[in-house]
Amino acid sequence: MAIDQAKLDALLHQFVLDLGATVHAANVVIGDKLGLYKTLAELGLSTPGELAAQTGIAERYLAEWLAGQAAGGYLGHDPADGRYHLSDEQAFALADESSPAFVPGAFQLAAASVRDEPVVTAAVRAGVGMGWHLHNDEVFQGCERFFRPGYAAHLVESWIPALDGVHERLLAGARVADVGCGHGACTLLLAEATASRTTSTRWAAPSTGSRRCCACPTRCRSRSASPWGRRPARPACVRSPPRWGSPGSAAPPRPPSTTSTRPDPSAWSGCAGPVLLTGGLRSALRSRPLPGLRPRS
């Protein structure tokens, strides 16, 4: 076998980068869970000892963590006095959970997904599907924390008004079914924005639907059930921004009503019915697809 040294070196270089990113993800999650980014943002320039005194975490661990974060470009470091700090941009992305650029949730999602490797491997080996609800809890937590700031910044202000008739229907009063809702971030934002005018129902897989029931406003009802029950709601819009194509595209004509126990797939593209569907619909459809209905790439 003839080995091209240049190609091998390029491959190994990529390997080192990917390995570093994989390990670094866990360190970001550690810093996030222990509140190190937020504390450092509040303290400003700090030594490991000063950060340890503030957080109660062993200085030896903090010294290693701070050095690794600085080496990865996630913290600033002054070699003259050994102090670390977050720049305004780093604090915006790492310490402010309301920021649309907040990234620790994405690292939490990635690290938690890696922990599910045995389950995914077993599913691949057996050639069977794996439902979204089979992931561990931190996948859902990380997913919500990563996407919610974007939803908060754009869902009510930009995406919903761009859908024909949906904004007006919500303001007038509507029932909202959030299919594949995760922790229901979209539904809660809509319910808060429309005050008491909107009744929101969150649909989810049995293993995940009730985890955040206590966080719902009184007008939100969380149900651990399939949306394809005996009395299915006719959808108003299933293109869930930002995952379902352009929210500014024109809405098709009003779909016909259906009395079937499962919604008519031809009705799953308009914005004319009494119910707005948002959330992780792509995952729901992959777990239980409807004939003729496929999410956009």
Protein backbone atom coordinates (compact mmCIF):
# COMPACT_ATOMS: atom_id res chain seq x y z
CA MET A 1 0.00 0.00 0.00
CA ALA A 2 1.44 3.35 -1.07
CA ILE A 3 0.73 6.15 1.43
CA ASP A 4 0.62 9.74 0.23
CA GLN A 5 2.24 11.54 3.16
CA ALA A 6 0.66 14.88 2.31
CA LYS A 7 -2.85 13.39 2.28
CA LEU A 8 -2.16 11.52 5.51
CA ASP A 9 -0.89 14.69 7.19
CA ALA A 10 -4.03 16.57 6.08
CA LEU A 11 -6.23 13.80 7.46
CA LEU A 12 -4.41 13.74 10.79
CA HIS A 13 -4.61 17.53 11.01
CA GLN A 14 -8.39 17.32 10.58
CA PHE A 15 -8.50 14.55 13.18
CA VAL A 16 -6.71 16.71 15.74
CA LEU A 17 -9.11 19.59 15.10
CA ASP A 18 -12.17 17.33 15.45
CA LEU A 19 -10.82 15.66 18.58
CA GLY A 20 -10.11 19.03 20.18
CA ALA A 21 -13.62 20.24 19.34
CA THR A 22 -15.17 17.09 20.81
CA VAL A 23 -13.29 17.42 24.09
CA HIS A 24 -13.81 21.18 24.20
CA ALA A 25 -17.59 20.72 24.03
CA ALA A 26 -17.61 19.04 27.44
CA ASN A 27 -15.52 21.85 28.93
CA VAL A 28 -18.01 24.43 27.69
CA VAL A 29 -20.84 22.45 29.27
CA ILE A 30 -18.91 22.29 32.56
CA GLY A 31 -18.36 26.04 32.54
CA ASP A 32 -22.01 26.66 31.75
CA LYS A 33 -23.41 24.30 34.40
CA LEU A 34 -21.09 25.62 37.10
CA GLY A 35 -21.87 29.24 36.22
CA LEU A 36 -18.22 30.02 35.47
CA TYR A 37 -18.88 32.14 32.38
CA LYS A 38 -21.52 34.21 34.15
CA THR A 39 -19.38 34.68 37.25
CA LEU A 40 -16.34 35.66 35.22
CA ALA A 41 -18.43 38.12 33.23
CA GLU A 42 -19.49 39.76 36.49
CA LEU A 43 -16.03 39.75 38.10
CA GLY A 44 -14.00 40.92 35.13
CA LEU A 45 -10.26 40.22 35.25
CA SER A 46 -9.75 37.33 37.69
CA THR A 47 -7.12 34.82 38.71
CA PRO A 48 -8.06 31.18 39.28
CA GLY A 49 -7.88 31.86 43.01
CA GLU A 50 -10.26 34.83 42.78
CA LEU A 51 -12.71 32.85 40.70
CA ALA A 52 -12.43 29.95 43.18
CA ALA A 53 -13.19 32.25 46.10
CA GLN A 54 -16.31 33.51 44.31
CA THR A 55 -17.64 30.13 43.14
CA GLY A 56 -16.46 27.74 45.86
CA ILE A 57 -14.88 25.47 43.24
CA ALA A 58 -11.37 24.10 43.75
CA GLU A 59 -8.72 26.44 42.37
CA ARG A 60 -6.74 23.59 40.85
CA TYR A 61 -9.65 22.57 38.64
CA LEU A 62 -10.38 26.16 37.70
CA ALA A 63 -6.78 26.77 36.68
CA GLU A 64 -6.96 23.90 34.21
CA TRP A 65 -10.38 24.91 32.92
CA LEU A 66 -9.42 28.57 32.45
CA ALA A 67 -6.21 27.66 30.63
CA GLY A 68 -8.08 25.36 28.27
CA GLN A 69 -10.75 27.95 27.55
CA ALA A 70 -8.15 30.61 26.85
CA ALA A 71 -6.25 28.25 24.54
CA GLY A 72 -9.48 27.64 22.64
CA GLY A 73 -10.17 31.35 22.25
CA TYR A 74 -13.20 31.35 24.53
CA LEU A 75 -11.56 33.51 27.21
CA GLY A 76 -8.97 36.25 27.25
CA HIS A 77 -5.77 35.87 29.26
CA ASP A 78 -3.21 38.38 30.48
CA PRO A 79 0.09 36.48 30.86
CA ALA A 80 1.60 39.37 32.85
CA ASP A 81 -0.58 38.83 35.92
CA GLY A 82 -2.24 35.50 35.12
CA ARG A 83 -5.75 36.92 35.03
CA TYR A 84 -8.56 35.78 32.75
CA HIS A 85 -11.56 37.65 31.41
CA LEU A 86 -14.45 37.56 28.96
CA SER A 87 -14.58 40.15 26.22
CA ASP A 88 -17.96 41.76 25.54
CA GLU A 89 -18.43 39.45 22.58
CA GLN A 90 -17.48 36.34 24.54
CA ALA A 91 -19.81 37.31 27.38
CA PHE A 92 -22.64 37.93 24.89
CA ALA A 93 -22.23 34.43 23.44
CA LEU A 94 -21.34 32.48 26.59
CA ALA A 95 -22.88 34.20 29.62
CA ASP A 96 -26.14 35.81 28.43
CA GLU A 97 -28.92 33.24 27.98
CA SER A 98 -31.20 35.84 26.39
CA SER A 99 -28.65 36.57 23.67
CA PRO A 100 -29.52 35.32 20.16
CA ALA A 101 -25.85 34.30 19.93
CA PHE A 102 -25.92 32.19 23.13
CA VAL A 103 -24.02 28.97 22.34
CA PRO A 104 -23.63 26.80 25.50
CA GLY A 105 -27.00 25.21 24.78
CA ALA A 106 -25.64 23.94 21.46
CA PHE A 107 -22.66 22.38 23.23
CA GLN A 108 -24.98 20.81 25.79
CA LEU A 109 -27.04 19.36 22.93
CA ALA A 110 -23.94 18.05 21.15
CA ALA A 111 -22.34 16.51 24.24
CA ALA A 112 -25.61 14.89 25.29
CA SER A 113 -26.14 13.49 21.79
CA VAL A 114 -22.75 11.80 21.95
CA ARG A 115 -23.85 10.04 25.14
CA ASP A 116 -26.68 8.44 23.14
CA GLU A 117 -24.22 6.75 20.80
CA PRO A 118 -24.93 3.22 22.15
CA VAL A 119 -28.66 3.63 21.47
CA VAL A 120 -28.07 5.05 17.99
CA THR A 121 -25.55 2.31 17.17
CA ALA A 122 -28.04 -0.37 18.25
CA ALA A 123 -30.75 1.20 16.07
CA VAL A 124 -28.43 1.34 13.05
CA ARG A 125 -27.31 -2.24 13.57
CA ALA A 126 -30.91 -3.46 13.79
CA GLY A 127 -32.12 -1.24 10.95
CA VAL A 128 -34.91 0.24 13.07
CA GLY A 129 -35.89 3.81 13.79
CA MET A 130 -35.02 5.85 16.84
CA GLY A 131 -37.60 8.31 18.11
CA TRP A 132 -36.56 11.77 19.17
CA HIS A 133 -38.13 11.09 22.57
CA LEU A 134 -35.61 8.29 23.20
CA HIS A 135 -32.74 10.76 23.67
CA ASN A 136 -31.59 11.63 27.18
CA ASP A 137 -33.02 14.67 28.94
CA GLU A 138 -30.08 16.94 28.27
CA VAL A 139 -30.59 16.69 24.52
CA PHE A 140 -33.99 18.35 24.98
CA GLN A 141 -32.63 20.90 27.45
CA GLY A 142 -29.75 21.85 25.18
CA CYS A 143 -32.00 22.02 22.15
CA GLU A 144 -34.37 24.43 23.89
CA ARG A 145 -31.58 26.59 25.31
CA PHE A 146 -29.90 26.83 21.90
CA PHE A 147 -33.00 27.61 19.82
CA ARG A 148 -35.15 29.57 22.27
CA PRO A 149 -33.18 32.86 22.05
CA GLY A 150 -33.66 32.82 18.28
CA TYR A 151 -37.36 32.08 18.66
CA ALA A 152 -37.66 34.87 21.22
CA ALA A 153 -35.95 37.31 18.85
CA HIS A 154 -37.80 36.38 15.66
CA LEU A 155 -40.87 34.16 16.12
CA VAL A 156 -43.38 36.78 17.22
CA GLU A 157 -41.76 39.82 15.63
CA SER A 158 -40.82 38.42 12.21
CA TRP A 159 -41.79 34.84 11.40
CA ILE A 160 -45.46 34.81 12.46
CA PRO A 161 -46.31 38.14 10.75
CA ALA A 162 -44.74 36.79 7.54
CA LEU A 163 -47.29 33.94 7.42
CA ASP A 164 -50.52 34.94 5.68
CA GLY A 165 -53.33 35.41 8.17
CA VAL A 166 -51.68 33.67 11.10
CA HIS A 167 -50.79 36.77 13.12
CA GLU A 168 -54.34 38.11 12.88
CA ARG A 169 -55.82 34.74 13.78
CA LEU A 170 -53.66 34.50 16.89
CA LEU A 171 -54.61 37.99 18.03
CA ALA A 172 -58.28 37.22 17.50
CA GLY A 173 -58.01 34.01 19.50
CA ALA A 174 -56.79 30.62 18.34
CA ARG A 175 -55.96 27.14 19.52
CA VAL A 176 -52.30 26.24 19.02
CA ALA A 177 -51.07 22.66 18.72
CA ASP A 178 -47.30 22.38 19.06
CA VAL A 179 -46.33 19.04 17.49
CA GLY A 180 -42.99 17.64 18.54
CA CYS A 181 -42.78 20.56 20.94
CA GLY A 182 -39.83 19.53 23.08
CA HIS A 183 -40.20 21.85 26.06
CA GLY A 184 -42.73 24.02 24.26
CA ALA A 185 -40.63 27.17 23.86
CA CYS A 186 -42.49 28.29 20.73
CA THR A 187 -45.91 27.74 22.26
CA LEU A 188 -45.05 29.57 25.46
CA LEU A 189 -43.71 32.54 23.51
CA LEU A 190 -46.89 32.70 21.42
CA ALA A 191 -49.08 32.40 24.51
CA GLU A 192 -47.21 35.21 26.26
CA ALA A 193 -47.34 37.45 23.17
CA THR A 194 -51.10 37.00 22.68
CA ALA A 195 -51.97 37.36 26.38
CA SER A 196 -55.21 35.54 27.20
CA ARG A 197 -56.51 35.42 23.62
CA THR A 198 -54.79 32.17 22.69
CA THR A 199 -55.37 28.71 24.09
CA SER A 200 -52.29 26.59 23.51
CA THR A 201 -52.09 22.83 23.51
CA ARG A 202 -48.68 21.19 23.45
CA TRP A 203 -48.47 17.74 21.92
CA ALA A 204 -45.47 15.57 22.65
CA ALA A 205 -44.25 12.01 22.92
CA PRO A 206 -45.31 10.34 26.20
CA SER A 207 -41.77 10.31 27.57
CA THR A 208 -41.22 14.03 27.15
CA GLY A 209 -44.55 15.79 27.09
CA SER A 210 -45.10 16.26 30.82
CA ARG A 211 -41.62 17.38 31.84
CA ARG A 212 -42.41 21.06 31.69
CA CYS A 213 -46.14 21.07 32.42
CA CYS A 214 -45.56 23.13 35.53
CA ALA A 215 -43.94 25.89 33.45
CA CYS A 216 -46.96 26.41 31.22
CA PRO A 217 -49.25 29.41 31.74
CA THR A 218 -52.77 28.46 32.77
CA ARG A 219 -53.96 28.86 29.19
CA CYS A 220 -51.42 26.25 27.99
CA ARG A 221 -52.39 22.62 28.34
CA SER A 222 -49.63 20.03 28.00
CA ARG A 223 -50.70 16.63 26.75
CA SER A 224 -48.55 13.53 26.61
CA ALA A 225 -50.43 12.12 23.66
CA SER A 226 -50.34 11.63 19.92
CA PRO A 227 -51.84 14.43 17.80
CA TRP A 228 -53.43 11.76 15.63
CA GLY A 229 -56.18 10.92 18.11
CA ARG A 230 -59.89 10.50 17.58
CA ARG A 231 -60.49 14.23 17.21
CA PRO A 232 -57.53 15.65 15.30
CA ALA A 233 -57.28 19.39 14.88
CA ARG A 234 -57.13 20.71 11.35
CA PRO A 235 -53.80 22.49 10.90
CA ALA A 236 -53.45 26.13 9.98
CA CYS A 237 -49.74 26.12 9.19
CA VAL A 238 -47.07 23.50 9.55
CA ARG A 239 -44.08 25.27 8.07
CA SER A 240 -42.32 25.77 11.36
CA PRO A 241 -39.71 28.53 10.98
CA PRO A 242 -36.78 28.36 10.72
CA ARG A 243 -36.88 24.65 9.74
CA TRP A 244 -39.62 24.61 7.14
CA GLY A 245 -38.64 26.78 4.19
CA SER A 246 -39.16 30.51 3.82
CA PRO A 247 -41.79 31.93 6.18
CA GLY A 248 -42.43 34.66 3.61
CA SER A 249 -43.62 32.29 0.88
CA ALA A 250 -47.20 32.58 -0.26
CA ALA A 251 -49.78 30.41 1.46
CA PRO A 252 -51.71 27.84 -0.64
CA PRO A 253 -55.52 28.00 -0.86
CA ARG A 254 -57.63 27.07 2.15
CA PRO A 255 -57.48 23.27 2.65
CA PRO A 256 -60.71 21.26 2.77
CA SER A 257 -61.93 20.02 6.14
CA THR A 258 -61.53 16.38 7.04
CA THR A 259 -63.25 14.02 9.45
CA SER A 260 -60.59 11.36 9.20
CA THR A 261 -58.88 10.17 12.36
CA ARG A 262 -55.63 11.33 10.72
CA PRO A 263 -55.30 14.73 9.06
CA ASP A 264 -55.48 14.88 5.28
CA PRO A 265 -51.86 15.32 4.07
CA SER A 266 -53.05 17.78 1.41
CA ALA A 267 -54.15 20.12 4.18
CA TRP A 268 -50.70 20.22 5.77
CA SER A 269 -49.34 23.19 3.85
CA GLY A 270 -51.77 26.07 4.21
CA CYS A 271 -52.43 28.80 6.73
CA ALA A 272 -56.20 28.83 6.82
CA GLY A 273 -57.45 26.54 9.56
CA PRO A 274 -58.16 27.20 13.22
CA VAL A 275 -54.93 25.75 14.60
CA LEU A 276 -51.30 26.78 14.18
CA LEU A 277 -48.74 24.00 14.35
CA THR A 278 -45.20 24.91 15.30
CA GLY A 279 -42.17 23.24 16.82
CA GLY A 280 -40.14 20.15 16.00
CA LEU A 281 -42.53 18.76 13.41
CA ARG A 282 -39.72 17.32 11.30
CA SER A 283 -38.85 14.87 14.10
CA ALA A 284 -42.50 14.00 14.66
CA LEU A 285 -43.00 13.17 11.01
CA ARG A 286 -39.89 11.04 10.85
CA SER A 287 -41.13 9.03 13.84
CA ARG A 288 -44.63 8.64 12.37
CA PRO A 289 -44.78 9.95 8.79
CA LEU A 290 -47.99 10.79 6.99
CA PRO A 291 -48.32 9.60 3.37
CA GLY A 292 -47.39 12.28 0.89
CA LEU A 293 -46.02 14.68 3.50
CA ARG A 294 -42.30 15.37 3.61
CA PRO A 295 -40.44 18.23 5.34
CA ARG A 296 -38.51 20.60 3.14
CA SER A 297 -34.75 20.18 3.00
